[in-house]
Structures are given as C-alpha cells and as structure tokens.
N, C-alpha and C. Protein backbone atom coordinates (compact mmCIF):
# COMPACT_ATOMS: atom_id res chain seq x y z
N MET A 1 15.75 -12.58 -71.08
CA MET A 1 16.33 -12.06 -70.00
C MET A 1 15.99 -10.98 -69.21
N THR A 2 15.90 -9.90 -69.86
CA THR A 2 15.75 -8.75 -69.67
C THR A 2 14.04 -8.75 -69.08
N ASN A 3 13.06 -9.16 -70.12
CA ASN A 3 11.88 -9.22 -69.51
C ASN A 3 11.61 -10.08 -68.46
N LYS A 4 12.17 -11.25 -68.13
CA LYS A 4 12.16 -12.00 -67.06
C LYS A 4 12.41 -11.37 -65.87
N GLY A 5 13.76 -10.61 -65.97
CA GLY A 5 14.13 -9.92 -64.86
C GLY A 5 12.99 -8.62 -64.11
N ASN A 6 12.62 -8.16 -65.44
CA ASN A 6 11.71 -6.96 -65.16
C ASN A 6 10.44 -7.53 -64.70
N SER A 7 10.25 -8.73 -64.88
CA SER A 7 8.97 -9.25 -64.32
C SER A 7 9.26 -9.75 -62.87
N VAL A 8 10.08 -10.30 -62.47
CA VAL A 8 10.37 -10.39 -61.09
C VAL A 8 10.65 -9.25 -60.41
N ASN A 9 11.04 -8.26 -60.96
CA ASN A 9 11.29 -7.02 -60.03
C ASN A 9 9.76 -6.37 -59.70
N MET A 10 8.97 -6.48 -61.14
CA MET A 10 7.75 -5.95 -60.84
C MET A 10 7.07 -6.70 -59.53
N LYS A 11 7.01 -7.93 -59.56
CA LYS A 11 6.74 -8.78 -58.69
C LYS A 11 6.89 -8.65 -57.53
N ASN A 12 8.27 -8.22 -57.03
CA ASN A 12 8.96 -7.85 -55.96
C ASN A 12 8.22 -6.63 -55.55
N ALA A 13 8.25 -5.84 -56.34
CA ALA A 13 7.78 -4.25 -56.28
C ALA A 13 6.31 -4.48 -55.78
N LYS A 14 5.47 -5.16 -56.40
CA LYS A 14 4.01 -5.15 -56.07
C LYS A 14 3.97 -5.73 -54.57
N GLY A 15 4.80 -6.92 -54.36
CA GLY A 15 4.54 -7.24 -52.88
C GLY A 15 4.84 -6.37 -51.84
N ARG A 16 6.22 -5.35 -52.13
CA ARG A 16 6.32 -4.55 -50.93
C ARG A 16 5.18 -3.58 -51.10
N SER A 17 4.68 -3.16 -52.05
CA SER A 17 3.49 -2.06 -52.07
C SER A 17 2.38 -2.55 -51.28
N GLU A 18 1.97 -3.91 -51.22
CA GLU A 18 1.05 -4.47 -50.89
C GLU A 18 0.96 -4.84 -49.21
N ALA A 19 2.41 -4.77 -49.00
CA ALA A 19 2.52 -5.32 -47.54
C ALA A 19 2.42 -4.12 -46.75
N LYS A 20 2.87 -2.73 -47.19
CA LYS A 20 3.13 -1.84 -46.46
C LYS A 20 1.86 -1.29 -45.82
N PRO A 21 0.53 -1.06 -47.02
CA PRO A 21 -0.61 -0.78 -46.22
C PRO A 21 -1.29 -1.62 -45.25
N LYS A 22 -0.89 -3.09 -45.41
CA LYS A 22 -1.20 -4.11 -44.50
C LYS A 22 -0.88 -3.71 -43.27
N ALA A 23 0.57 -3.46 -43.17
CA ALA A 23 1.36 -3.43 -41.62
C ALA A 23 0.71 -2.23 -41.01
N GLU A 24 0.53 -1.11 -41.75
CA GLU A 24 -0.07 -0.08 -41.14
C GLU A 24 -1.42 0.23 -40.94
N GLY A 25 -2.26 -0.97 -41.74
CA GLY A 25 -3.60 -0.99 -41.64
C GLY A 25 -3.96 -1.67 -40.43
N ALA A 26 -2.91 -2.28 -39.66
CA ALA A 26 -3.15 -3.25 -38.65
C ALA A 26 -3.41 -2.31 -37.34
N TYR A 27 -3.30 -1.05 -37.60
CA TYR A 27 -3.37 -0.03 -36.34
C TYR A 27 -4.47 1.01 -36.34
N HIS A 28 -5.40 0.67 -37.27
CA HIS A 28 -6.43 1.66 -37.11
C HIS A 28 -7.22 1.87 -35.89
N HIS A 29 -8.03 2.98 -35.82
CA HIS A 29 -9.15 3.13 -34.52
C HIS A 29 -8.05 3.37 -33.38
N GLY A 30 -6.89 3.93 -33.24
CA GLY A 30 -6.11 4.09 -32.08
C GLY A 30 -5.27 3.06 -31.70
N ASP A 31 -5.16 2.04 -32.54
CA ASP A 31 -4.46 0.80 -31.85
C ASP A 31 -2.90 1.19 -31.94
N LEU A 32 -2.67 1.81 -32.97
CA LEU A 32 -1.23 2.53 -33.35
C LEU A 32 -0.42 2.91 -31.55
N ARG A 33 -1.39 3.80 -31.07
CA ARG A 33 -0.77 4.38 -29.85
C ARG A 33 -0.42 3.19 -29.13
N ALA A 34 -1.63 2.47 -28.68
CA ALA A 34 -1.34 1.28 -27.95
C ALA A 34 -0.52 0.22 -28.07
N ALA A 35 -0.10 0.09 -29.48
CA ALA A 35 0.98 -0.67 -29.71
C ALA A 35 2.34 -0.07 -29.39
N VAL A 36 2.49 1.21 -29.43
CA VAL A 36 3.84 1.93 -29.47
C VAL A 36 4.05 1.92 -27.97
N ILE A 37 3.12 2.28 -27.11
CA ILE A 37 3.13 2.12 -25.60
C ILE A 37 3.65 0.79 -25.01
N ALA A 38 2.95 0.00 -25.78
CA ALA A 38 3.43 -1.68 -25.30
C ALA A 38 4.84 -1.74 -25.66
N ALA A 39 5.44 -1.24 -26.96
CA ALA A 39 6.58 -1.52 -27.46
C ALA A 39 7.66 -0.92 -26.21
N GLY A 40 7.26 0.30 -26.09
CA GLY A 40 7.90 1.23 -25.07
C GLY A 40 8.04 0.45 -23.85
N MET A 41 7.00 -0.09 -23.16
CA MET A 41 7.10 -1.05 -22.05
C MET A 41 8.05 -2.07 -22.31
N GLU A 42 7.68 -2.62 -23.28
CA GLU A 42 8.78 -3.86 -23.59
C GLU A 42 10.43 -3.62 -23.64
N ARG A 43 10.47 -2.35 -24.01
CA ARG A 43 11.90 -1.90 -24.00
C ARG A 43 12.57 -1.51 -22.34
N LEU A 44 11.64 -0.73 -21.76
CA LEU A 44 11.95 -0.46 -20.56
C LEU A 44 12.15 -1.84 -19.56
N ALA A 45 11.35 -2.71 -19.59
CA ALA A 45 11.34 -3.85 -18.98
C ALA A 45 12.91 -4.86 -19.34
N ALA A 46 13.00 -4.53 -20.57
CA ALA A 46 14.35 -5.14 -20.94
C ALA A 46 15.70 -4.30 -20.68
N GLY A 47 15.45 -3.18 -20.05
CA GLY A 47 16.60 -2.27 -19.69
C GLY A 47 17.07 -1.50 -20.92
N ASP A 48 16.24 -1.26 -21.93
CA ASP A 48 16.41 -0.53 -23.09
C ASP A 48 16.05 0.96 -23.07
N GLU A 49 16.03 1.53 -22.00
CA GLU A 49 15.37 2.86 -21.95
C GLU A 49 15.95 3.70 -22.74
N SER A 50 17.33 3.89 -22.98
CA SER A 50 18.22 4.62 -23.73
C SER A 50 17.63 4.71 -25.38
N GLU A 51 16.78 3.66 -25.80
CA GLU A 51 16.12 3.56 -26.95
C GLU A 51 14.45 3.71 -27.18
N LEU A 52 14.29 4.74 -26.48
CA LEU A 52 13.16 5.00 -26.45
C LEU A 52 12.58 6.08 -27.32
N GLY A 53 13.05 6.44 -28.70
CA GLY A 53 13.04 7.30 -29.43
C GLY A 53 11.56 6.92 -30.37
N LEU A 54 11.24 7.96 -31.01
CA LEU A 54 10.01 7.37 -32.04
C LEU A 54 10.31 6.69 -33.14
N ARG A 55 11.59 6.77 -33.75
CA ARG A 55 12.21 5.95 -34.65
C ARG A 55 12.53 4.49 -34.19
N ALA A 56 12.71 4.02 -33.06
CA ALA A 56 12.99 3.18 -32.57
C ALA A 56 11.76 2.42 -32.27
N LEU A 57 10.85 2.83 -31.62
CA LEU A 57 9.40 2.24 -31.36
C LEU A 57 8.62 2.34 -32.76
N ALA A 58 8.82 2.79 -33.66
CA ALA A 58 8.11 2.98 -35.04
C ALA A 58 8.48 1.46 -35.71
N ARG A 59 10.00 1.48 -35.60
CA ARG A 59 10.52 -0.07 -36.02
C ARG A 59 10.17 -1.11 -35.33
N ASP A 60 9.94 -1.00 -33.98
CA ASP A 60 9.44 -2.12 -33.45
C ASP A 60 7.90 -2.58 -33.73
N VAL A 61 6.92 -1.70 -34.11
CA VAL A 61 5.50 -2.01 -34.31
C VAL A 61 5.51 -1.93 -36.06
N GLY A 62 6.60 -1.81 -36.69
CA GLY A 62 6.42 -1.96 -38.15
C GLY A 62 5.77 -0.92 -38.79
N VAL A 63 6.02 0.36 -38.35
CA VAL A 63 5.57 1.66 -39.40
C VAL A 63 6.58 2.70 -39.18
N SER A 64 6.37 3.70 -40.09
CA SER A 64 7.24 4.60 -40.52
C SER A 64 7.13 5.74 -39.09
N ALA A 65 8.38 6.15 -38.80
CA ALA A 65 8.26 7.36 -37.69
C ALA A 65 7.06 8.46 -38.11
N THR A 66 7.01 8.95 -39.26
CA THR A 66 5.84 9.93 -39.48
C THR A 66 4.67 9.50 -38.75
N ALA A 67 4.33 7.89 -38.90
CA ALA A 67 2.83 7.51 -38.55
C ALA A 67 2.55 7.89 -37.43
N LEU A 68 3.73 7.91 -36.28
CA LEU A 68 3.46 8.14 -34.93
C LEU A 68 3.28 9.57 -34.72
N TYR A 69 3.37 10.62 -35.43
CA TYR A 69 3.35 11.90 -35.16
C TYR A 69 1.95 12.32 -34.68
N ARG A 70 1.07 11.76 -35.11
CA ARG A 70 -0.18 12.02 -34.86
C ARG A 70 -0.55 11.81 -33.57
N HIS A 71 0.22 10.73 -32.95
CA HIS A 71 -0.28 10.49 -31.50
C HIS A 71 0.90 10.84 -30.38
N PHE A 72 1.88 11.06 -31.09
CA PHE A 72 3.21 11.67 -30.06
C PHE A 72 3.76 12.79 -31.28
N PRO A 73 3.60 14.00 -31.00
CA PRO A 73 4.16 15.23 -31.69
C PRO A 73 5.70 15.03 -31.65
N ASP A 74 6.23 14.67 -30.49
CA ASP A 74 7.82 14.25 -30.15
C ASP A 74 8.04 13.50 -29.03
N LYS A 75 9.31 13.27 -28.79
CA LYS A 75 9.94 12.36 -27.98
C LYS A 75 9.12 12.58 -26.40
N GLU A 76 9.24 13.65 -26.05
CA GLU A 76 8.77 14.09 -24.59
C GLU A 76 7.18 13.65 -24.62
N ALA A 77 6.31 13.83 -25.58
CA ALA A 77 5.13 13.31 -25.25
C ALA A 77 5.05 12.01 -25.28
N LEU A 78 5.65 11.06 -26.09
CA LEU A 78 5.88 9.90 -26.17
C LEU A 78 6.55 9.34 -24.54
N LEU A 79 7.35 9.87 -24.08
CA LEU A 79 7.83 9.75 -22.72
C LEU A 79 6.72 9.79 -21.53
N ASP A 80 5.88 10.81 -21.76
CA ASP A 80 4.89 11.27 -21.04
C ASP A 80 3.88 10.23 -20.86
N ALA A 81 3.72 9.81 -22.08
CA ALA A 81 2.58 8.67 -22.30
C ALA A 81 2.94 7.36 -21.43
N LEU A 82 4.29 7.12 -21.58
CA LEU A 82 4.85 5.82 -20.91
C LEU A 82 4.69 6.06 -19.54
N ALA A 83 4.98 7.26 -18.95
CA ALA A 83 5.04 7.56 -17.69
C ALA A 83 3.72 7.59 -17.02
N ASP A 84 2.89 7.79 -17.86
CA ASP A 84 1.26 7.89 -17.36
C ASP A 84 0.90 6.50 -17.29
N GLU A 85 1.36 5.71 -18.33
CA GLU A 85 1.02 4.24 -18.34
C GLU A 85 1.59 3.50 -17.11
N GLY A 86 2.72 3.97 -16.73
CA GLY A 86 3.35 3.20 -15.48
C GLY A 86 2.81 3.44 -14.58
N LEU A 87 2.18 4.89 -14.19
CA LEU A 87 1.47 5.13 -13.04
C LEU A 87 0.10 4.29 -12.92
N ARG A 88 -0.60 4.32 -14.06
CA ARG A 88 -1.69 3.36 -14.26
C ARG A 88 -1.38 2.08 -13.75
N ARG A 89 -0.60 1.47 -14.15
CA ARG A 89 -0.13 -0.05 -13.85
C ARG A 89 -0.06 0.15 -12.22
N LEU A 90 0.77 0.66 -11.83
CA LEU A 90 1.16 0.87 -10.42
C LEU A 90 -0.34 1.20 -9.42
N GLY A 91 -0.98 1.96 -10.19
CA GLY A 91 -2.47 2.13 -9.46
C GLY A 91 -3.31 0.75 -9.57
N ALA A 92 -3.33 0.08 -10.44
CA ALA A 92 -3.93 -1.21 -10.61
C ALA A 92 -3.40 -2.34 -10.05
N LEU A 93 -2.26 -2.38 -9.70
CA LEU A 93 -1.40 -3.35 -8.73
C LEU A 93 -1.85 -3.11 -7.52
N GLN A 94 -1.91 -1.71 -6.85
CA GLN A 94 -2.30 -1.40 -5.45
C GLN A 94 -3.60 -1.80 -5.41
N ALA A 95 -4.65 -1.44 -6.54
CA ALA A 95 -5.84 -1.75 -6.31
C ALA A 95 -6.16 -3.35 -5.82
N GLN A 96 -5.48 -4.19 -6.83
CA GLN A 96 -5.66 -5.52 -6.59
C GLN A 96 -4.98 -6.05 -5.24
N ALA A 97 -4.21 -5.55 -4.58
CA ALA A 97 -3.63 -5.59 -3.65
C ALA A 97 -4.57 -5.57 -2.50
N TRP A 98 -5.10 -4.37 -2.43
CA TRP A 98 -6.11 -3.85 -1.49
C TRP A 98 -7.21 -4.62 -1.34
N LEU A 99 -7.72 -5.24 -2.47
CA LEU A 99 -8.90 -6.01 -2.71
C LEU A 99 -8.62 -7.47 -2.42
N LYS A 100 -7.52 -7.99 -2.39
CA LYS A 100 -6.88 -9.33 -2.19
C LYS A 100 -6.76 -9.42 -0.46
N ALA A 101 -6.50 -8.20 0.09
CA ALA A 101 -6.34 -8.34 1.51
C ALA A 101 -7.26 -7.95 2.16
N GLY A 102 -8.43 -7.42 1.52
CA GLY A 102 -9.81 -7.32 2.24
C GLY A 102 -9.90 -5.95 2.80
N GLY A 103 -9.38 -5.13 2.13
CA GLY A 103 -9.40 -3.76 2.57
C GLY A 103 -8.86 -3.28 4.13
N GLY A 104 -9.44 -2.26 4.84
CA GLY A 104 -8.72 -1.81 5.76
C GLY A 104 -7.38 -1.98 6.12
N SER A 105 -6.94 -1.97 7.44
CA SER A 105 -5.64 -1.70 7.46
C SER A 105 -4.74 -2.83 6.82
N ALA A 106 -5.19 -4.23 6.63
CA ALA A 106 -4.35 -4.89 6.01
C ALA A 106 -4.33 -4.68 4.49
N GLY A 107 -5.31 -4.00 4.12
CA GLY A 107 -5.37 -3.90 2.43
C GLY A 107 -4.48 -2.61 2.53
N PHE A 108 -4.42 -1.90 3.21
CA PHE A 108 -3.37 -0.30 3.43
C PHE A 108 -2.32 -0.89 3.31
N LYS A 109 -1.72 -1.62 4.25
CA LYS A 109 -0.56 -2.45 4.43
C LYS A 109 0.04 -2.89 3.09
N ALA A 110 -0.71 -3.98 2.31
CA ALA A 110 -0.87 -4.45 1.06
C ALA A 110 -0.42 -3.28 -0.08
N THR A 111 -1.14 -2.31 0.08
CA THR A 111 -0.82 -1.24 -1.32
C THR A 111 0.38 -0.53 -0.96
N GLY A 112 0.93 -0.68 0.18
CA GLY A 112 2.31 -0.16 0.47
C GLY A 112 3.45 -1.08 -0.13
N ILE A 113 3.17 -2.16 0.41
CA ILE A 113 4.18 -3.12 -0.41
C ILE A 113 3.83 -3.43 -1.84
N ALA A 114 2.89 -3.15 -2.18
CA ALA A 114 2.68 -3.44 -3.65
C ALA A 114 3.61 -2.55 -4.65
N TYR A 115 3.75 -1.09 -3.66
CA TYR A 115 4.39 0.09 -4.25
C TYR A 115 5.73 -0.30 -4.25
N VAL A 116 6.22 -0.71 -3.40
CA VAL A 116 7.79 -0.94 -3.30
C VAL A 116 8.00 -2.18 -4.20
N ARG A 117 7.37 -3.23 -4.39
CA ARG A 117 7.49 -4.10 -5.22
C ARG A 117 7.61 -3.94 -6.83
N PHE A 118 6.58 -3.17 -7.02
CA PHE A 118 6.48 -2.52 -8.43
C PHE A 118 7.95 -1.68 -8.60
N ALA A 119 8.19 -1.15 -7.73
CA ALA A 119 9.59 -0.40 -8.01
C ALA A 119 10.83 -1.22 -8.28
N HIS A 120 10.63 -2.41 -7.67
CA HIS A 120 11.90 -3.44 -7.54
C HIS A 120 11.54 -4.29 -8.73
N GLU A 121 10.63 -4.62 -9.19
CA GLU A 121 10.15 -5.47 -10.29
C GLU A 121 10.39 -4.45 -11.73
N GLU A 122 10.09 -3.25 -11.80
CA GLU A 122 9.95 -2.44 -12.88
C GLU A 122 10.87 -1.29 -12.53
N PRO A 123 12.14 -1.11 -12.56
CA PRO A 123 12.89 -0.41 -11.85
C PRO A 123 12.73 0.88 -12.86
N ALA A 124 13.25 0.75 -14.32
CA ALA A 124 13.12 1.47 -15.25
C ALA A 124 11.64 2.63 -15.53
N LEU A 125 10.57 1.89 -15.65
CA LEU A 125 9.60 2.49 -15.59
C LEU A 125 9.12 3.16 -14.41
N PHE A 126 9.44 2.66 -13.44
CA PHE A 126 9.18 3.34 -11.85
C PHE A 126 9.89 4.70 -11.83
N ARG A 127 11.20 4.64 -12.28
CA ARG A 127 12.07 6.07 -12.29
C ARG A 127 11.41 6.63 -13.45
N LEU A 128 11.06 6.33 -14.62
CA LEU A 128 10.59 7.14 -15.74
C LEU A 128 9.40 7.89 -15.26
N SER A 129 8.47 7.09 -14.56
CA SER A 129 6.89 7.50 -14.13
C SER A 129 7.05 8.52 -13.20
N PHE A 130 8.19 8.71 -12.29
CA PHE A 130 8.37 9.67 -11.26
C PHE A 130 9.33 10.79 -11.59
N THR A 131 9.91 10.63 -12.91
CA THR A 131 10.87 11.84 -13.19
C THR A 131 10.38 12.71 -14.13
N ARG A 132 9.17 12.54 -14.81
CA ARG A 132 8.49 13.43 -15.82
C ARG A 132 8.17 14.65 -14.92
N LYS A 133 7.74 15.64 -15.71
CA LYS A 133 6.94 16.93 -14.87
C LYS A 133 5.66 16.74 -14.79
N ILE A 134 5.33 16.08 -13.76
CA ILE A 134 3.70 15.62 -13.45
C ILE A 134 2.98 16.91 -13.76
N PRO A 135 3.30 17.97 -13.01
CA PRO A 135 2.04 18.89 -12.96
C PRO A 135 1.92 19.58 -14.50
N GLU A 136 2.95 19.64 -15.35
CA GLU A 136 2.69 20.16 -16.47
C GLU A 136 1.98 19.22 -17.55
N ARG A 137 2.44 18.08 -17.21
CA ARG A 137 1.77 16.86 -17.74
C ARG A 137 0.13 16.85 -17.87
N TYR A 138 -0.13 17.05 -16.76
CA TYR A 138 -1.44 17.13 -16.43
C TYR A 138 -2.36 18.14 -16.92
N ARG A 139 -1.83 19.48 -17.02
CA ARG A 139 -2.50 20.77 -17.51
C ARG A 139 -2.23 20.59 -18.93
N GLU A 140 -1.63 20.06 -19.61
CA GLU A 140 -1.39 19.78 -21.02
C GLU A 140 -2.36 18.89 -21.69
N THR A 141 -2.43 17.61 -20.90
CA THR A 141 -2.99 16.59 -21.43
C THR A 141 -4.35 15.83 -20.59
N GLY A 142 -4.60 16.60 -19.47
CA GLY A 142 -5.38 16.20 -18.63
C GLY A 142 -5.68 14.77 -18.35
N SER A 143 -4.54 13.97 -18.41
CA SER A 143 -4.39 12.53 -18.02
C SER A 143 -3.65 12.70 -16.68
N ASP A 144 -4.06 12.01 -15.77
CA ASP A 144 -3.33 11.56 -14.57
C ASP A 144 -3.46 9.93 -14.14
N GLY A 145 -2.43 9.11 -14.67
CA GLY A 145 -2.39 7.87 -14.48
C GLY A 145 -2.25 7.58 -13.12
N GLY A 146 -1.32 8.42 -12.01
CA GLY A 146 -1.65 8.06 -10.80
C GLY A 146 -2.71 8.49 -9.99
N GLU A 147 -3.73 9.01 -10.53
CA GLU A 147 -4.88 9.28 -9.80
C GLU A 147 -5.34 8.28 -8.84
N THR A 148 -5.53 7.23 -9.58
CA THR A 148 -5.87 5.68 -8.65
C THR A 148 -4.96 5.82 -7.50
N ALA A 149 -3.81 5.59 -7.69
CA ALA A 149 -3.06 5.17 -6.50
C ALA A 149 -3.01 6.30 -5.76
N TYR A 150 -3.26 7.51 -5.95
CA TYR A 150 -3.30 8.57 -4.92
C TYR A 150 -4.70 8.26 -4.16
N ASN A 151 -5.83 8.18 -5.03
CA ASN A 151 -6.96 8.22 -4.31
C ASN A 151 -7.05 6.89 -3.38
N LEU A 152 -6.65 5.89 -3.83
CA LEU A 152 -6.59 4.73 -2.87
C LEU A 152 -5.83 4.72 -1.73
N LEU A 153 -4.50 5.76 -1.81
CA LEU A 153 -3.69 5.74 -0.48
C LEU A 153 -4.59 7.04 0.11
N ARG A 154 -5.33 7.89 -0.18
CA ARG A 154 -6.02 8.64 0.73
C ARG A 154 -7.28 7.82 1.30
N ALA A 155 -7.96 7.08 0.44
CA ALA A 155 -9.13 6.29 0.97
C ALA A 155 -8.26 5.27 2.21
N GLY A 156 -7.16 4.81 2.01
CA GLY A 156 -6.50 3.88 2.88
C GLY A 156 -6.20 4.32 4.13
N VAL A 157 -5.67 5.74 4.14
CA VAL A 157 -5.43 6.49 5.32
C VAL A 157 -7.10 6.65 6.07
N GLY A 158 -7.93 7.16 5.51
CA GLY A 158 -9.09 7.21 6.15
C GLY A 158 -9.90 5.92 6.62
N GLU A 159 -9.52 4.51 6.16
CA GLU A 159 -10.02 3.59 6.73
C GLU A 159 -9.06 2.80 7.75
N ALA A 160 -7.65 2.81 7.59
CA ALA A 160 -6.87 2.32 8.32
C ALA A 160 -6.72 3.34 9.69
N LEU A 161 -6.64 4.50 9.45
CA LEU A 161 -6.15 5.52 10.46
C LEU A 161 -7.54 6.42 10.67
N PRO A 162 -8.56 5.77 11.08
CA PRO A 162 -9.75 6.75 11.16
C PRO A 162 -9.84 7.99 12.14
N GLY A 163 -8.89 8.05 12.83
CA GLY A 163 -8.98 9.12 13.88
C GLY A 163 -7.71 10.35 13.45
N VAL A 164 -7.07 10.02 12.37
CA VAL A 164 -6.09 11.07 11.77
C VAL A 164 -6.76 12.27 11.53
N LYS A 165 -6.04 13.49 12.09
CA LYS A 165 -6.55 14.89 11.74
C LYS A 165 -6.59 15.21 10.24
N ASP A 166 -5.72 15.08 9.62
CA ASP A 166 -5.28 15.54 8.47
C ASP A 166 -5.27 14.52 7.19
N PRO A 167 -5.99 13.77 6.65
CA PRO A 167 -5.68 12.70 5.69
C PRO A 167 -5.01 12.91 4.66
N ASP A 168 -4.71 14.30 4.17
CA ASP A 168 -3.69 14.64 3.01
C ASP A 168 -2.35 14.59 3.64
N VAL A 169 -2.09 14.94 5.04
CA VAL A 169 -0.61 15.10 5.64
C VAL A 169 -0.11 13.73 5.85
N ALA A 170 -1.22 12.66 6.05
CA ALA A 170 -1.03 11.33 6.80
C ALA A 170 -0.77 10.62 5.13
N ALA A 171 -1.57 11.15 4.23
CA ALA A 171 -1.30 10.35 2.67
C ALA A 171 0.03 10.51 2.39
N LEU A 172 0.55 11.88 2.83
CA LEU A 172 1.75 12.17 1.88
C LEU A 172 2.80 11.38 3.00
N HIS A 173 2.53 11.41 4.31
CA HIS A 173 3.62 10.71 4.93
C HIS A 173 3.86 9.17 4.57
N ALA A 174 2.57 8.60 4.34
CA ALA A 174 2.76 7.18 4.00
C ALA A 174 3.51 7.02 2.77
N TRP A 175 2.98 7.94 1.46
CA TRP A 175 3.71 7.76 0.39
C TRP A 175 5.17 8.24 0.65
N SER A 176 5.56 8.97 1.23
CA SER A 176 7.01 9.32 1.32
C SER A 176 7.78 8.16 1.79
N LEU A 177 7.37 7.33 2.85
CA LEU A 177 7.89 6.20 3.50
C LEU A 177 7.79 5.12 2.29
N VAL A 178 7.02 4.82 1.46
CA VAL A 178 7.19 3.63 0.56
C VAL A 178 8.32 4.23 -0.58
N HIS A 179 7.95 5.58 -0.90
CA HIS A 179 8.67 5.83 -2.01
C HIS A 179 10.48 6.02 -1.67
N GLY A 180 10.50 6.38 -0.45
CA GLY A 180 11.95 6.63 0.00
C GLY A 180 12.38 5.02 0.16
N LEU A 181 11.73 4.30 0.46
CA LEU A 181 12.18 2.80 0.66
C LEU A 181 12.23 2.36 -0.60
N ALA A 182 11.55 2.54 -1.71
CA ALA A 182 11.69 2.06 -2.93
C ALA A 182 13.15 2.72 -3.53
N MET A 183 13.46 3.83 -3.57
CA MET A 183 14.49 4.41 -4.01
C MET A 183 15.66 4.00 -3.29
N LEU A 184 15.68 3.67 -1.98
CA LEU A 184 16.66 3.02 -1.37
C LEU A 184 17.16 1.78 -1.89
N ILE A 185 16.24 0.82 -2.24
CA ILE A 185 16.54 -0.49 -2.87
C ILE A 185 16.89 -0.14 -4.47
N LEU A 186 16.15 0.68 -5.21
CA LEU A 186 16.65 1.02 -6.32
C LEU A 186 18.22 1.33 -6.36
N ASP A 187 18.46 2.30 -5.52
CA ASP A 187 19.86 2.87 -5.60
C ASP A 187 20.85 1.63 -4.76
N ARG A 188 20.42 0.58 -4.56
CA ARG A 188 21.33 -0.12 -4.12
C ARG A 188 21.64 -0.06 -2.47
N ARG A 189 20.87 1.11 -1.92
CA ARG A 189 21.68 1.06 -0.52
C ARG A 189 21.41 0.20 0.53
N ILE A 190 20.13 -0.35 0.23
CA ILE A 190 19.67 -1.73 0.90
C ILE A 190 19.41 -2.70 -0.27
N GLU A 191 19.38 -4.15 0.43
CA GLU A 191 19.01 -5.18 -0.51
C GLU A 191 17.60 -5.36 -0.57
N TRP A 192 17.14 -6.05 -1.59
CA TRP A 192 15.50 -6.20 -1.82
C TRP A 192 15.54 -7.35 -0.77
N ASP A 193 14.35 -7.20 0.10
CA ASP A 193 13.92 -8.20 1.10
C ASP A 193 12.34 -8.09 1.43
N GLU A 194 11.40 -8.97 0.56
CA GLU A 194 9.95 -8.51 0.81
C GLU A 194 9.78 -8.52 2.33
N ALA A 195 10.28 -9.76 2.97
CA ALA A 195 9.73 -9.64 4.30
C ALA A 195 9.92 -8.46 5.14
N LYS A 196 11.01 -8.07 4.86
CA LYS A 196 11.85 -6.77 5.71
C LYS A 196 10.68 -5.85 5.03
N VAL A 197 10.65 -5.51 3.84
CA VAL A 197 9.76 -4.51 3.32
C VAL A 197 8.41 -4.46 4.30
N ALA A 198 7.96 -5.35 4.13
CA ALA A 198 6.59 -5.50 4.83
C ALA A 198 6.55 -5.12 6.27
N ASP A 199 7.82 -5.45 6.87
CA ASP A 199 7.74 -4.90 8.25
C ASP A 199 7.98 -3.49 8.51
N VAL A 200 8.77 -2.81 7.63
CA VAL A 200 8.94 -1.41 7.50
C VAL A 200 7.72 -0.65 7.06
N VAL A 201 6.91 -1.17 6.07
CA VAL A 201 5.69 -0.60 5.71
C VAL A 201 4.74 -0.64 6.63
N ALA A 202 4.88 -1.79 7.53
CA ALA A 202 4.01 -1.87 8.62
C ALA A 202 3.73 -0.78 9.61
N LEU A 203 5.14 -0.17 9.91
CA LEU A 203 5.32 0.67 10.93
C LEU A 203 4.28 2.02 10.70
N THR A 204 3.95 2.17 9.42
CA THR A 204 3.23 3.52 8.87
C THR A 204 1.82 2.98 8.51
N PHE A 205 1.80 1.76 7.51
CA PHE A 205 0.72 1.59 6.81
C PHE A 205 -0.04 0.53 7.82
N GLY A 206 0.48 0.23 8.78
CA GLY A 206 -0.23 -0.95 9.81
C GLY A 206 -0.89 0.03 10.87
N GLY A 207 -1.03 1.44 10.93
CA GLY A 207 -1.57 1.98 11.84
C GLY A 207 -0.83 3.12 12.73
N VAL A 208 0.58 3.33 12.57
CA VAL A 208 1.31 4.24 13.34
C VAL A 208 1.19 5.38 12.44
N ALA A 209 0.91 6.52 12.81
CA ALA A 209 1.00 7.67 11.79
C ALA A 209 1.62 9.03 12.46
C-alpha cells in the first residue's frame, strides 16, 4: 500500500513539475507581456477594473506573479501599458474611420464620431487611458499610444479646414469637443444616441472652427 501510494504521489508530482515549465514556456520572446495586456483588456471590458493587479493577471495567463516583474516592475507600470494600448486602439479605430469615409471633411467627421463611440463601447478602458499621467509615462518609456490619434486629428484639421490659422489650436478645439461629449455620455448626463453624436460632431468636424 505504501509503495503504491508513493508511486502515485511521485507520478502526480512529476506531472505538476512538467506542467509548470510548459505553461511558462508558452510565453517566450515577449509573448507574456502581450498576453498580460490582453488579459487586462478582457477584465476592463468585463467591468473588472478593480482587479487589475499583477497577481490577478498572472493567474489569468497561468504564470506566477514574479514572472511578470521583468515586463511590469509594479502595478503602475502595468496600468500605464494598458492605457497606452487603449490609446493605440483608439487611434487605429479612428484611422479606419478616416479611410472608410474617404478622408477630407467626411473623414474628419468620422474620426470624431469614432472617438465618442469608443468611449461609449469601452468606458473603463477609455477612462483609464485618459487618467494616467501621460507626460510622465512618455518621458519614462518613450511610448505614446495616442500619437496616431493626435497626428490624425491634426492632419484632419489641415484637410477639412485648410484656411485655419493655427492647426494646433483648431485640433485642441476639436479634441475638446469630442472628449467633452464622450465624458457627458459616460457620466450619464446625456444618453447615447449615435445620430445626435454625429450632428454635434459635425458642428466642428464638418467645417465650423
């Protein structure tokens, strides 16, 4: 009986020891960072933003928390990475909207609508992306997930409003409009209505500056 029990225990121990390297080995060559960010995005989409710690996300991807420290020295670094990814996604959606509308004034308007729609569909990610200390993050990491979105905004001002005197001021004006509208919707001061959003955005993004 004792030998049989020991044999079973050794077999189980062997199975556990073999399983762990296999799980961690699935994240070679930087895949672990991407997997953790993806897991964080899933939690944000599900409304679990309070559970965005390193331990929780390590469990989600099947590794130990210490395995994450190489990529994220602390929770703040993890949140910065998630915020950066959120801005990248926003920029990608706006770029798609611009191309689909054919650029120009129509494309410019489409990017504004895409901005507000992103906030409505991804509220937790949107809030996180715009509540991190962006200047500090850029200086420390050199990463700027919002660069695509801002460059597109500035380019849109140039195409849709060719006579504007200061493109940066006009870009800030347009950004303020869509961000304020997005926050009014997120804070439930007004209801989500895409047709109305399009009408409001058109006042600025359609050519009025």
